[in-house]
Amino acid sequence: MSKPLDVICLGRAAVDLYGHQFGGRLEDMQSFAKYLGGSSGNLAAGLGRLGLRSSMLTRVGDEHMGRLFAKRWRQKVSTLAML
């Protein structure tokens, strides 16, 4: 039997893009860094880093952003039980 979850976050899954060219306009950016985003995703990942068993109830598509979110989620939080 697996240990129950300490917290389940419900919300929007997102991938945040930050331009590498500090202070530039979006249309002038040449490259971006990608990070897990969405407030509930950030909360679930942070609670996981603090040692809580956290998960997130959300939905992602089978396209480039959805696959990236699922991959990064596995790396950061380790459970996809409710993704």
Protein backbone atom coordinates (compact mmCIF):
# COMPACT_ATOMS: atom_id res chain seq x y z
CA MET A 1 0.00 0.00 0.00
CA SER A 2 1.41 3.38 -0.96
CA LYS A 3 1.63 6.28 1.46
CA PRO A 4 -1.29 8.72 1.12
CA LEU A 5 -0.71 12.15 -0.35
CA ASP A 6 -0.24 15.08 2.00
CA VAL A 7 -1.65 17.62 -0.43
CA ILE A 8 -3.35 17.74 -3.82
CA CYS A 9 -3.18 21.02 -5.73
CA LEU A 10 -5.86 21.80 -8.31
CA GLY A 11 -5.18 24.27 -11.08
CA ARG A 12 -3.69 25.20 -14.42
CA ALA A 13 -0.48 23.58 -15.62
CA ALA A 14 1.81 25.96 -17.47
CA VAL A 15 5.28 26.32 -18.90
CA ASP A 16 6.79 29.73 -18.24
CA LEU A 17 9.18 31.16 -20.83
CA TYR A 18 11.78 33.71 -19.74
CA GLY A 19 13.88 35.56 -22.29
CA HIS A 20 17.64 35.27 -21.90
CA GLN A 21 18.17 38.85 -23.08
CA PHE A 22 17.51 40.75 -19.84
CA GLY A 23 15.46 43.91 -20.23
CA GLY A 24 14.62 43.30 -23.88
CA ARG A 25 11.24 43.38 -25.55
CA LEU A 26 9.45 40.09 -26.24
CA GLU A 27 9.65 40.57 -29.99
CA ASP A 28 13.43 41.03 -29.74
CA MET A 29 14.15 37.89 -27.69
CA GLN A 30 16.41 35.37 -29.39
CA SER A 31 16.27 32.55 -26.81
CA PHE A 32 14.21 31.50 -23.81
CA ALA A 33 14.53 29.39 -20.65
CA LYS A 34 11.62 27.04 -19.85
CA TYR A 35 10.29 26.42 -16.32
CA LEU A 36 7.29 24.73 -14.75
CA GLY A 37 4.69 27.37 -14.11
CA GLY A 38 1.20 28.04 -12.87
CA SER A 39 0.69 28.92 -9.21
CA SER A 40 -0.70 25.52 -8.24
CA GLY A 41 2.14 23.74 -10.05
CA ASN A 42 4.70 25.90 -8.29
CA LEU A 43 3.02 25.22 -4.94
CA ALA A 44 2.93 21.43 -5.46
CA ALA A 45 6.57 21.35 -6.59
CA GLY A 46 7.68 23.51 -3.65
CA LEU A 47 5.83 21.35 -1.12
CA GLY A 48 7.47 18.29 -2.67
CA ARG A 49 10.90 19.87 -2.17
CA LEU A 50 9.98 20.40 1.48
CA GLY A 51 9.34 16.67 1.86
CA LEU A 52 5.57 16.48 1.53
CA ARG A 53 3.96 13.98 -0.82
CA SER A 54 2.27 16.36 -3.22
CA SER A 55 0.43 15.90 -6.46
CA MET A 56 -1.45 18.08 -8.87
CA LEU A 57 -4.89 17.59 -10.38
CA THR A 58 -4.73 19.09 -13.85
CA ARG A 59 -4.84 18.16 -17.50
CA VAL A 60 -2.24 18.61 -20.22
CA GLY A 61 -2.43 17.93 -23.93
CA ASP A 62 -0.43 15.42 -25.96
CA GLU A 63 1.55 18.19 -27.66
CA HIS A 64 4.91 19.86 -27.11
CA MET A 65 4.00 21.97 -24.04
CA GLY A 66 1.98 19.19 -22.38
CA ARG A 67 4.77 16.64 -22.87
CA LEU A 68 7.35 19.12 -21.56
CA PHE A 69 5.26 19.81 -18.45
CA ALA A 70 4.80 16.06 -17.77
CA LYS A 71 8.53 15.39 -18.24
CA ARG A 72 9.62 18.22 -15.94
CA TRP A 73 6.94 17.27 -13.40
CA ARG A 74 8.35 13.72 -13.25
CA GLN A 75 11.83 15.15 -12.66
CA LYS A 76 10.77 17.63 -9.95
CA VAL A 77 7.87 15.99 -8.12
CA SER A 78 8.13 12.35 -9.25
CA THR A 79 4.45 11.40 -9.25
CA LEU A 80 2.02 11.74 -12.13
CA ALA A 81 -0.87 10.16 -10.24
CA MET A 82 -3.27 12.99 -11.01
CA LEU A 83 -1.69 14.71 -13.98
